[in-house]
Amino acid sequence: MKQDHQAFSLIELLISLVLMLFICTMIIPHGHKHAQQQVIQELDRLEALFYSLQQRAMACGLDVQLTCNVAKQSYRYQTLQENELTAFLSQNIRFGVMPGTMGPPWQATEAVQTPITFAQLADAVEQENRIYFFSNGKISSGTIYLCDQGYTVGGALTCAVSQVSSIRKYLYDGKRWKLINSQ
């Protein structure tokens, strides 16, 4: 009398393993790409706000300020109606830098120590930095560094002051900074 043994053959196990590996290779880069898109989206949002505040300062002939709060992962400014508006970074994004990040983005020569290099408020209880938008169109100089919660993707928004303020966005791939296009 014969007994039927039901088991997986070696070929069936190998095919299952190959399929699982294929699925994993498709998911892992997608997760990194998603984090990268979130950082870029937050940089776009901040860039649009910078341009808006710069235009408002010039149109109204008044200096405008934006205050970033690293502890609360937020920033605030006054609206045209003089109400204070507080906005928070996206859920998976934070003011911060990936370990070992070199900066500033245009000339990465030393390790980045702080997520925001704009003027820090001396009288603030929490770490707050203020960015000034002047009525002549200039913006105070500095950099805001962003990264995802897992510290795998980094980005930066910079303001360099020369004759005219320029706002630039960069993405960090773990080794070098890449300038990304504005909207």
N, C-alpha and C. Protein backbone atom coordinates (compact mmCIF):
# COMPACT_ATOMS: atom_id res chain seq x y z
N MET A 1 0.83 -1.17 0.00
CA MET A 1 0.00 0.00 0.00
C MET A 1 0.88 1.25 0.00
N LYS A 2 0.55 2.20 -0.88
CA LYS A 2 1.33 3.42 -1.01
C LYS A 2 0.79 4.51 -0.11
N GLN A 3 1.70 5.30 0.44
CA GLN A 3 1.29 6.46 1.24
C GLN A 3 1.55 7.71 0.42
N ASP A 4 0.56 8.62 0.42
CA ASP A 4 0.73 9.90 -0.26
C ASP A 4 1.33 10.90 0.71
N HIS A 5 2.48 11.43 0.35
CA HIS A 5 3.10 12.50 1.14
C HIS A 5 2.87 13.80 0.42
N GLN A 6 2.29 14.74 1.13
CA GLN A 6 2.05 16.05 0.53
C GLN A 6 3.05 17.02 1.11
N ALA A 7 3.90 17.55 0.24
CA ALA A 7 4.92 18.51 0.65
C ALA A 7 5.29 19.36 -0.56
N PHE A 8 5.98 20.43 -0.28
CA PHE A 8 6.45 21.29 -1.36
C PHE A 8 7.73 20.71 -1.95
N SER A 9 7.82 20.76 -3.23
CA SER A 9 9.06 20.32 -3.86
C SER A 9 10.08 21.45 -3.77
N LEU A 10 11.31 21.13 -4.02
CA LEU A 10 12.38 22.12 -3.98
C LEU A 10 12.13 23.21 -5.03
N ILE A 11 11.64 22.83 -6.17
CA ILE A 11 11.36 23.81 -7.24
C ILE A 11 10.27 24.78 -6.78
N GLU A 12 9.22 24.29 -6.17
CA GLU A 12 8.13 25.16 -5.70
C GLU A 12 8.63 26.14 -4.64
N LEU A 13 9.48 25.70 -3.74
CA LEU A 13 10.05 26.56 -2.72
C LEU A 13 10.93 27.64 -3.35
N LEU A 14 11.74 27.28 -4.32
CA LEU A 14 12.60 28.25 -4.98
C LEU A 14 11.77 29.29 -5.74
N ILE A 15 10.74 28.87 -6.42
CA ILE A 15 9.87 29.82 -7.14
C ILE A 15 9.21 30.78 -6.16
N SER A 16 8.74 30.28 -5.03
CA SER A 16 8.12 31.15 -4.01
C SER A 16 9.13 32.16 -3.47
N LEU A 17 10.33 31.70 -3.21
CA LEU A 17 11.38 32.58 -2.69
C LEU A 17 11.73 33.67 -3.70
N VAL A 18 11.85 33.30 -4.97
CA VAL A 18 12.16 34.28 -6.02
C VAL A 18 11.04 35.31 -6.13
N LEU A 19 9.81 34.88 -6.05
CA LEU A 19 8.68 35.82 -6.12
C LEU A 19 8.68 36.78 -4.93
N MET A 20 8.97 36.26 -3.75
CA MET A 20 9.02 37.14 -2.56
C MET A 20 10.16 38.14 -2.69
N LEU A 21 11.32 37.74 -3.16
CA LEU A 21 12.44 38.66 -3.36
C LEU A 21 12.10 39.72 -4.40
N PHE A 22 11.43 39.31 -5.46
CA PHE A 22 11.03 40.26 -6.50
C PHE A 22 10.08 41.31 -5.92
N ILE A 23 9.13 40.89 -5.14
CA ILE A 23 8.17 41.83 -4.53
C ILE A 23 8.90 42.78 -3.58
N CYS A 24 9.84 42.27 -2.79
CA CYS A 24 10.61 43.13 -1.88
C CYS A 24 11.43 44.16 -2.64
N THR A 25 12.04 43.77 -3.74
CA THR A 25 12.83 44.74 -4.51
C THR A 25 11.97 45.81 -5.14
N MET A 26 10.71 45.52 -5.36
CA MET A 26 9.80 46.53 -5.92
C MET A 26 9.31 47.48 -4.82
N ILE A 27 9.15 47.00 -3.62
CA ILE A 27 8.58 47.81 -2.54
C ILE A 27 9.64 48.74 -1.93
N ILE A 28 10.83 48.27 -1.67
CA ILE A 28 11.85 49.06 -0.96
C ILE A 28 12.22 50.34 -1.70
N PRO A 29 12.54 50.32 -2.99
CA PRO A 29 12.84 51.60 -3.66
C PRO A 29 11.63 52.52 -3.71
N HIS A 30 10.45 51.96 -3.79
CA HIS A 30 9.24 52.78 -3.82
C HIS A 30 9.09 53.56 -2.51
N GLY A 31 9.41 52.93 -1.39
CA GLY A 31 9.33 53.62 -0.10
C GLY A 31 10.31 54.78 -0.03
N HIS A 32 11.52 54.60 -0.55
CA HIS A 32 12.51 55.66 -0.58
C HIS A 32 12.05 56.79 -1.51
N LYS A 33 11.50 56.42 -2.65
CA LYS A 33 11.01 57.42 -3.61
C LYS A 33 9.85 58.20 -3.00
N HIS A 34 9.01 57.54 -2.23
CA HIS A 34 7.88 58.22 -1.58
C HIS A 34 8.40 59.24 -0.56
N ALA A 35 9.38 58.87 0.24
CA ALA A 35 9.96 59.80 1.22
C ALA A 35 10.61 60.98 0.50
N GLN A 36 11.26 60.71 -0.61
CA GLN A 36 11.90 61.77 -1.39
C GLN A 36 10.83 62.75 -1.91
N GLN A 37 9.73 62.23 -2.40
CA GLN A 37 8.65 63.08 -2.90
C GLN A 37 8.04 63.92 -1.78
N GLN A 38 7.94 63.38 -0.58
CA GLN A 38 7.41 64.13 0.55
C GLN A 38 8.33 65.28 0.93
N VAL A 39 9.64 65.04 0.91
CA VAL A 39 10.60 66.11 1.22
C VAL A 39 10.51 67.20 0.16
N ILE A 40 10.47 66.82 -1.11
CA ILE A 40 10.36 67.80 -2.19
C ILE A 40 9.06 68.60 -2.08
N GLN A 41 7.98 67.93 -1.75
CA GLN A 41 6.70 68.62 -1.60
C GLN A 41 6.75 69.66 -0.47
N GLU A 42 7.39 69.31 0.64
CA GLU A 42 7.51 70.26 1.75
C GLU A 42 8.43 71.42 1.37
N LEU A 43 9.50 71.14 0.64
CA LEU A 43 10.37 72.21 0.15
C LEU A 43 9.61 73.15 -0.79
N ASP A 44 8.78 72.58 -1.65
CA ASP A 44 7.96 73.40 -2.56
C ASP A 44 7.02 74.31 -1.77
N ARG A 45 6.43 73.75 -0.74
CA ARG A 45 5.50 74.52 0.09
C ARG A 45 6.20 75.69 0.78
N LEU A 46 7.38 75.43 1.32
CA LEU A 46 8.15 76.50 1.97
C LEU A 46 8.63 77.53 0.95
N GLU A 47 9.07 77.07 -0.21
CA GLU A 47 9.53 77.98 -1.25
C GLU A 47 8.39 78.93 -1.67
N ALA A 48 7.20 78.39 -1.86
CA ALA A 48 6.05 79.22 -2.24
C ALA A 48 5.75 80.24 -1.15
N LEU A 49 5.84 79.84 0.10
CA LEU A 49 5.61 80.77 1.20
C LEU A 49 6.68 81.87 1.22
N PHE A 50 7.93 81.50 0.99
CA PHE A 50 9.02 82.49 0.94
C PHE A 50 8.75 83.54 -0.13
N TYR A 51 8.38 83.08 -1.34
CA TYR A 51 8.10 84.03 -2.42
C TYR A 51 6.91 84.91 -2.08
N SER A 52 5.90 84.31 -1.47
CA SER A 52 4.71 85.07 -1.09
C SER A 52 5.04 86.15 -0.06
N LEU A 53 5.80 85.79 0.95
CA LEU A 53 6.16 86.77 1.98
C LEU A 53 7.10 87.84 1.42
N GLN A 54 7.97 87.45 0.51
CA GLN A 54 8.86 88.42 -0.13
C GLN A 54 8.04 89.43 -0.94
N GLN A 55 7.08 88.95 -1.71
CA GLN A 55 6.24 89.83 -2.52
C GLN A 55 5.39 90.74 -1.64
N ARG A 56 4.88 90.19 -0.55
CA ARG A 56 4.07 90.99 0.37
C ARG A 56 4.89 92.11 1.00
N ALA A 57 6.12 91.80 1.39
CA ALA A 57 6.99 92.81 2.00
C ALA A 57 7.25 93.94 1.01
N MET A 58 7.49 93.60 -0.24
CA MET A 58 7.76 94.63 -1.25
C MET A 58 6.49 95.43 -1.58
N ALA A 59 5.36 94.75 -1.71
CA ALA A 59 4.11 95.43 -2.08
C ALA A 59 3.61 96.36 -0.97
N CYS A 60 3.76 95.93 0.29
CA CYS A 60 3.26 96.73 1.42
C CYS A 60 4.30 97.71 1.93
N GLY A 61 5.55 97.56 1.52
CA GLY A 61 6.61 98.43 2.01
C GLY A 61 6.94 98.20 3.47
N LEU A 62 6.66 96.99 3.96
CA LEU A 62 6.92 96.64 5.36
C LEU A 62 7.76 95.37 5.44
N ASP A 63 8.62 95.31 6.44
CA ASP A 63 9.37 94.09 6.66
C ASP A 63 8.43 93.03 7.24
N VAL A 64 8.61 91.79 6.79
CA VAL A 64 7.77 90.67 7.22
C VAL A 64 8.71 89.62 7.80
N GLN A 65 8.22 88.84 8.76
CA GLN A 65 9.06 87.80 9.34
C GLN A 65 8.33 86.47 9.42
N LEU A 66 9.12 85.42 9.34
CA LEU A 66 8.65 84.05 9.46
C LEU A 66 9.46 83.44 10.59
N THR A 67 8.78 82.85 11.58
CA THR A 67 9.46 82.25 12.72
C THR A 67 9.30 80.73 12.66
N CYS A 68 10.42 80.02 12.66
CA CYS A 68 10.42 78.55 12.63
C CYS A 68 10.69 78.02 14.03
N ASN A 69 9.90 77.05 14.46
CA ASN A 69 10.07 76.44 15.77
C ASN A 69 10.45 74.97 15.56
N VAL A 70 11.70 74.64 15.83
CA VAL A 70 12.21 73.29 15.60
C VAL A 70 11.53 72.29 16.54
N ALA A 71 11.34 72.65 17.79
CA ALA A 71 10.74 71.73 18.77
C ALA A 71 9.32 71.34 18.38
N LYS A 72 8.56 72.29 17.87
CA LYS A 72 7.16 72.03 17.50
C LYS A 72 7.00 71.65 16.03
N GLN A 73 8.12 71.63 15.28
CA GLN A 73 8.08 71.30 13.86
C GLN A 73 7.05 72.17 13.13
N SER A 74 7.12 73.48 13.41
CA SER A 74 6.15 74.41 12.84
C SER A 74 6.80 75.73 12.48
N TYR A 75 6.04 76.56 11.79
CA TYR A 75 6.47 77.92 11.49
C TYR A 75 5.24 78.82 11.52
N ARG A 76 5.48 80.09 11.81
CA ARG A 76 4.34 81.02 11.94
C ARG A 76 4.70 82.38 11.34
N TYR A 77 3.65 83.07 10.92
CA TYR A 77 3.80 84.40 10.33
C TYR A 77 2.46 85.11 10.43
N GLN A 78 2.48 86.41 10.21
CA GLN A 78 1.24 87.18 10.25
C GLN A 78 0.64 87.26 8.86
N THR A 79 -0.67 87.08 8.80
CA THR A 79 -1.38 87.20 7.53
C THR A 79 -1.60 88.67 7.21
N LEU A 80 -2.15 88.97 6.05
CA LEU A 80 -2.45 90.35 5.68
C LEU A 80 -3.44 90.99 6.65
N GLN A 81 -4.31 90.18 7.24
CA GLN A 81 -5.28 90.68 8.22
C GLN A 81 -4.67 90.79 9.61
N GLU A 82 -3.36 90.60 9.69
CA GLU A 82 -2.59 90.68 10.93
C GLU A 82 -2.97 89.61 11.95
N ASN A 83 -3.48 88.49 11.48
CA ASN A 83 -3.69 87.32 12.33
C ASN A 83 -2.43 86.47 12.25
N GLU A 84 -2.06 85.84 13.35
CA GLU A 84 -0.89 84.97 13.32
C GLU A 84 -1.32 83.58 12.87
N LEU A 85 -0.67 83.09 11.84
CA LEU A 85 -0.98 81.78 11.29
C LEU A 85 0.19 80.83 11.60
N THR A 86 -0.12 79.67 12.17
CA THR A 86 0.88 78.66 12.45
C THR A 86 0.64 77.47 11.53
N ALA A 87 1.68 77.04 10.86
CA ALA A 87 1.61 75.88 9.98
C ALA A 87 2.60 74.84 10.48
N PHE A 88 2.23 73.58 10.35
CA PHE A 88 3.08 72.49 10.80
C PHE A 88 3.65 71.76 9.60
N LEU A 89 4.85 71.21 9.76
CA LEU A 89 5.43 70.40 8.70
C LEU A 89 4.56 69.17 8.50
N SER A 90 4.63 68.57 7.33
CA SER A 90 3.89 67.34 7.04
C SER A 90 4.25 66.27 8.07
N GLN A 91 3.36 65.34 8.23
CA GLN A 91 3.49 64.34 9.29
C GLN A 91 4.82 63.58 9.27
N ASN A 92 5.33 63.23 8.11
CA ASN A 92 6.55 62.42 8.03
C ASN A 92 7.81 63.23 7.77
N ILE A 93 7.72 64.55 7.86
CA ILE A 93 8.85 65.43 7.59
C ILE A 93 9.19 66.21 8.84
N ARG A 94 10.47 66.50 9.01
CA ARG A 94 10.89 67.26 10.19
C ARG A 94 12.04 68.20 9.83
N PHE A 95 12.21 69.26 10.66
CA PHE A 95 13.41 70.07 10.57
C PHE A 95 14.52 69.18 11.09
N GLY A 96 15.49 68.89 10.27
CA GLY A 96 16.57 68.02 10.71
C GLY A 96 17.48 67.65 9.56
N VAL A 97 18.55 66.96 9.90
CA VAL A 97 19.53 66.53 8.91
C VAL A 97 19.84 65.05 9.09
N MET A 98 20.15 64.41 7.98
CA MET A 98 20.59 63.02 8.03
C MET A 98 21.96 62.97 8.70
N PRO A 99 22.27 61.91 9.44
CA PRO A 99 23.59 61.81 10.06
C PRO A 99 24.70 61.92 9.02
N GLY A 100 25.72 62.71 9.33
CA GLY A 100 26.85 62.87 8.43
C GLY A 100 26.64 63.85 7.29
N THR A 101 25.54 64.59 7.31
CA THR A 101 25.27 65.54 6.24
C THR A 101 26.29 66.67 6.27
N MET A 102 26.84 66.96 5.11
CA MET A 102 27.79 68.06 4.97
C MET A 102 27.07 69.24 4.34
N GLY A 103 27.44 70.43 4.76
CA GLY A 103 26.78 71.62 4.24
C GLY A 103 27.73 72.79 4.23
N PRO A 104 27.30 73.92 3.79
CA PRO A 104 26.00 74.19 3.17
C PRO A 104 25.91 73.54 1.79
N PRO A 105 24.69 73.41 1.27
CA PRO A 105 24.49 72.64 0.02
C PRO A 105 25.33 73.11 -1.16
N TRP A 106 25.56 74.39 -1.30
CA TRP A 106 26.30 74.89 -2.47
C TRP A 106 27.80 74.69 -2.34
N GLN A 107 28.27 74.38 -1.13
CA GLN A 107 29.70 74.16 -0.90
C GLN A 107 29.85 73.32 0.37
N ALA A 108 29.56 72.04 0.25
CA ALA A 108 29.51 71.15 1.41
C ALA A 108 30.92 70.90 1.95
N THR A 109 31.29 71.66 2.98
CA THR A 109 32.64 71.57 3.52
C THR A 109 32.70 71.12 4.98
N GLU A 110 31.58 71.23 5.70
CA GLU A 110 31.61 70.85 7.12
C GLU A 110 30.28 70.22 7.52
N ALA A 111 30.30 69.44 8.59
CA ALA A 111 29.10 68.75 9.05
C ALA A 111 28.04 69.77 9.51
N VAL A 112 26.82 69.52 9.11
CA VAL A 112 25.71 70.40 9.50
C VAL A 112 25.36 70.11 10.96
N GLN A 113 25.33 71.15 11.78
CA GLN A 113 25.08 71.00 13.22
C GLN A 113 23.65 71.33 13.62
N THR A 114 22.98 72.19 12.86
CA THR A 114 21.66 72.66 13.23
C THR A 114 20.73 72.64 12.02
N PRO A 115 19.45 72.32 12.22
CA PRO A 115 18.55 72.22 11.08
C PRO A 115 18.17 73.55 10.44
N ILE A 116 18.38 74.65 11.14
CA ILE A 116 18.05 75.97 10.58
C ILE A 116 19.20 76.91 10.90
N THR A 117 19.72 77.57 9.87
CA THR A 117 20.86 78.46 10.09
C THR A 117 20.48 79.94 10.03
N PHE A 118 19.20 80.24 9.88
CA PHE A 118 18.76 81.63 9.96
C PHE A 118 18.92 82.10 11.40
N ALA A 119 18.84 83.40 11.63
CA ALA A 119 19.07 83.98 12.96
C ALA A 119 18.22 83.30 14.03
N GLN A 120 18.89 82.85 15.08
CA GLN A 120 18.17 82.22 16.19
C GLN A 120 17.77 83.30 17.19
N LEU A 121 16.55 83.19 17.71
CA LEU A 121 16.06 84.15 18.69
C LEU A 121 16.69 83.87 20.04
N ALA A 122 17.35 84.86 20.59
CA ALA A 122 18.03 84.69 21.88
C ALA A 122 17.04 84.58 23.03
N ASP A 123 15.90 85.25 22.93
CA ASP A 123 14.95 85.28 24.03
C ASP A 123 13.93 84.14 23.97
N ALA A 124 14.01 83.27 22.98
CA ALA A 124 13.02 82.20 22.83
C ALA A 124 13.30 81.08 23.82
N VAL A 125 12.23 80.53 24.39
CA VAL A 125 12.35 79.41 25.32
C VAL A 125 12.74 78.15 24.54
N GLU A 126 12.09 77.95 23.38
CA GLU A 126 12.40 76.82 22.52
C GLU A 126 13.29 77.30 21.39
N GLN A 127 13.87 76.36 20.66
CA GLN A 127 14.74 76.75 19.54
C GLN A 127 13.88 77.34 18.42
N GLU A 128 13.95 78.65 18.26
CA GLU A 128 13.22 79.33 17.21
C GLU A 128 14.19 80.16 16.38
N ASN A 129 13.92 80.19 15.10
CA ASN A 129 14.73 80.97 14.18
C ASN A 129 13.80 81.90 13.41
N ARG A 130 14.30 83.09 13.10
CA ARG A 130 13.47 84.07 12.40
C ARG A 130 14.09 84.39 11.05
N ILE A 131 13.24 84.41 10.04
CA ILE A 131 13.64 84.76 8.69
C ILE A 131 12.97 86.08 8.36
N TYR A 132 13.76 87.05 7.89
CA TYR A 132 13.25 88.38 7.60
C TYR A 132 13.12 88.58 6.09
N PHE A 133 11.98 89.13 5.70
CA PHE A 133 11.69 89.50 4.32
C PHE A 133 11.58 91.02 4.32
N PHE A 134 12.55 91.68 3.70
CA PHE A 134 12.64 93.13 3.76
C PHE A 134 11.86 93.79 2.62
N SER A 135 11.44 95.02 2.85
CA SER A 135 10.64 95.75 1.88
C SER A 135 11.40 96.02 0.57
N ASN A 136 12.72 95.93 0.58
CA ASN A 136 13.50 96.13 -0.65
C ASN A 136 13.64 94.84 -1.46
N GLY A 137 12.98 93.75 -1.02
CA GLY A 137 13.01 92.48 -1.74
C GLY A 137 14.03 91.49 -1.25
N LYS A 138 14.91 91.90 -0.36
CA LYS A 138 15.92 90.97 0.15
C LYS A 138 15.34 90.10 1.25
N ILE A 139 15.97 88.95 1.41
CA ILE A 139 15.59 87.99 2.45
C ILE A 139 16.85 87.71 3.25
N SER A 140 16.72 87.59 4.57
CA SER A 140 17.90 87.26 5.38
C SER A 140 18.48 85.93 4.90
N SER A 141 19.77 85.77 5.05
CA SER A 141 20.42 84.57 4.51
C SER A 141 20.42 83.43 5.52
N GLY A 142 20.36 82.22 4.99
CA GLY A 142 20.38 81.03 5.83
C GLY A 142 19.85 79.82 5.08
N THR A 143 19.76 78.72 5.80
CA THR A 143 19.30 77.45 5.22
C THR A 143 18.35 76.75 6.18
N ILE A 144 17.31 76.14 5.63
CA ILE A 144 16.42 75.26 6.39
C ILE A 144 16.67 73.86 5.87
N TYR A 145 17.04 72.94 6.78
CA TYR A 145 17.26 71.55 6.42
C TYR A 145 16.04 70.74 6.85
N LEU A 146 15.57 69.87 5.94
CA LEU A 146 14.45 68.98 6.22
C LEU A 146 14.89 67.55 5.97
N CYS A 147 14.25 66.61 6.65
CA CYS A 147 14.47 65.20 6.36
C CYS A 147 13.20 64.43 6.72
N ASP A 148 13.14 63.21 6.24
CA ASP A 148 11.99 62.37 6.59
C ASP A 148 12.20 61.82 8.01
N GLN A 149 11.17 61.23 8.58
CA GLN A 149 11.24 60.73 9.96
C GLN A 149 12.31 59.65 10.13
N GLY A 150 12.58 58.89 9.07
CA GLY A 150 13.58 57.83 9.16
C GLY A 150 15.00 58.29 8.88
N TYR A 151 15.18 59.58 8.64
CA TYR A 151 16.49 60.16 8.34
C TYR A 151 17.15 59.46 7.14
N THR A 152 16.36 59.16 6.10
CA THR A 152 16.90 58.52 4.91
C THR A 152 16.97 59.47 3.71
N VAL A 153 16.17 60.54 3.75
CA VAL A 153 16.14 61.51 2.65
C VAL A 153 16.25 62.91 3.25
N GLY A 154 17.11 63.73 2.67
CA GLY A 154 17.28 65.09 3.17
C GLY A 154 17.07 66.11 2.07
N GLY A 155 16.75 67.32 2.49
CA GLY A 155 16.57 68.42 1.56
C GLY A 155 16.90 69.72 2.24
N ALA A 156 17.07 70.76 1.45
CA ALA A 156 17.41 72.07 2.01
C ALA A 156 16.79 73.17 1.16
N LEU A 157 16.38 74.23 1.83
CA LEU A 157 15.92 75.45 1.18
C LEU A 157 16.87 76.54 1.63
N THR A 158 17.53 77.19 0.67
CA THR A 158 18.54 78.18 1.02
C THR A 158 18.16 79.55 0.49
N CYS A 159 18.61 80.56 1.20
CA CYS A 159 18.49 81.95 0.76
C CYS A 159 19.88 82.56 0.82
N ALA A 160 20.38 82.92 -0.33
CA ALA A 160 21.67 83.58 -0.40
C ALA A 160 21.43 85.05 -0.71
N VAL A 161 22.14 85.91 -0.05
CA VAL A 161 21.95 87.33 -0.28
C VAL A 161 23.15 87.87 -1.04
N SER A 162 22.86 88.49 -2.15
CA SER A 162 23.86 89.24 -2.90
C SER A 162 23.15 90.52 -3.32
N GLN A 163 23.20 90.88 -4.57
CA GLN A 163 22.43 92.05 -5.02
C GLN A 163 20.93 91.77 -4.91
N VAL A 164 20.56 90.52 -5.18
CA VAL A 164 19.17 90.08 -5.13
C VAL A 164 19.13 88.76 -4.36
N SER A 165 18.12 88.59 -3.53
CA SER A 165 17.98 87.33 -2.80
C SER A 165 17.59 86.22 -3.77
N SER A 166 18.20 85.06 -3.60
CA SER A 166 17.83 83.91 -4.42
C SER A 166 17.46 82.75 -3.50
N ILE A 167 16.38 82.10 -3.84
CA ILE A 167 15.89 80.96 -3.07
C ILE A 167 16.17 79.71 -3.90
N ARG A 168 16.83 78.73 -3.29
CA ARG A 168 17.16 77.50 -4.00
C ARG A 168 16.78 76.30 -3.16
N LYS A 169 16.42 75.22 -3.88
CA LYS A 169 16.08 73.95 -3.23
C LYS A 169 17.10 72.89 -3.62
N TYR A 170 17.47 72.08 -2.64
CA TYR A 170 18.43 71.01 -2.86
C TYR A 170 17.89 69.71 -2.28
N LEU A 171 18.32 68.59 -2.85
CA LEU A 171 18.02 67.27 -2.33
C LEU A 171 19.34 66.58 -2.02
N TYR A 172 19.40 65.88 -0.89
CA TYR A 172 20.64 65.21 -0.45
C TYR A 172 20.47 63.72 -0.64
N ASP A 173 21.41 63.08 -1.35
CA ASP A 173 21.31 61.65 -1.61
C ASP A 173 22.17 60.81 -0.65
N GLY A 174 22.67 61.43 0.39
CA GLY A 174 23.52 60.73 1.35
C GLY A 174 25.00 60.97 1.11
N LYS A 175 25.34 61.52 -0.06
CA LYS A 175 26.74 61.80 -0.38
C LYS A 175 26.93 63.23 -0.87
N ARG A 176 26.00 63.71 -1.67
CA ARG A 176 26.14 65.07 -2.24
C ARG A 176 24.78 65.72 -2.41
N TRP A 177 24.82 67.03 -2.55
CA TRP A 177 23.62 67.83 -2.75
C TRP A 177 23.34 67.98 -4.24
N LYS A 178 22.07 67.95 -4.59
CA LYS A 178 21.66 68.14 -5.98
C LYS A 178 20.65 69.29 -6.00
N LEU A 179 20.91 70.30 -6.82
CA LEU A 179 19.99 71.42 -6.99
C LEU A 179 18.77 70.91 -7.73
N ILE A 180 17.58 71.19 -7.19
CA ILE A 180 16.35 70.78 -7.87
C ILE A 180 15.61 72.02 -8.35
N ASN A 181 14.86 71.85 -9.40
CA ASN A 181 14.17 72.97 -10.03
C ASN A 181 13.08 73.55 -9.16
N SER A 182 12.90 74.85 -9.31
CA SER A 182 11.79 75.51 -8.65
C SER A 182 10.52 75.24 -9.43
N GLN A 183 9.40 75.54 -8.78
CA GLN A 183 8.10 75.28 -9.40
C GLN A 183 7.90 76.08 -10.65
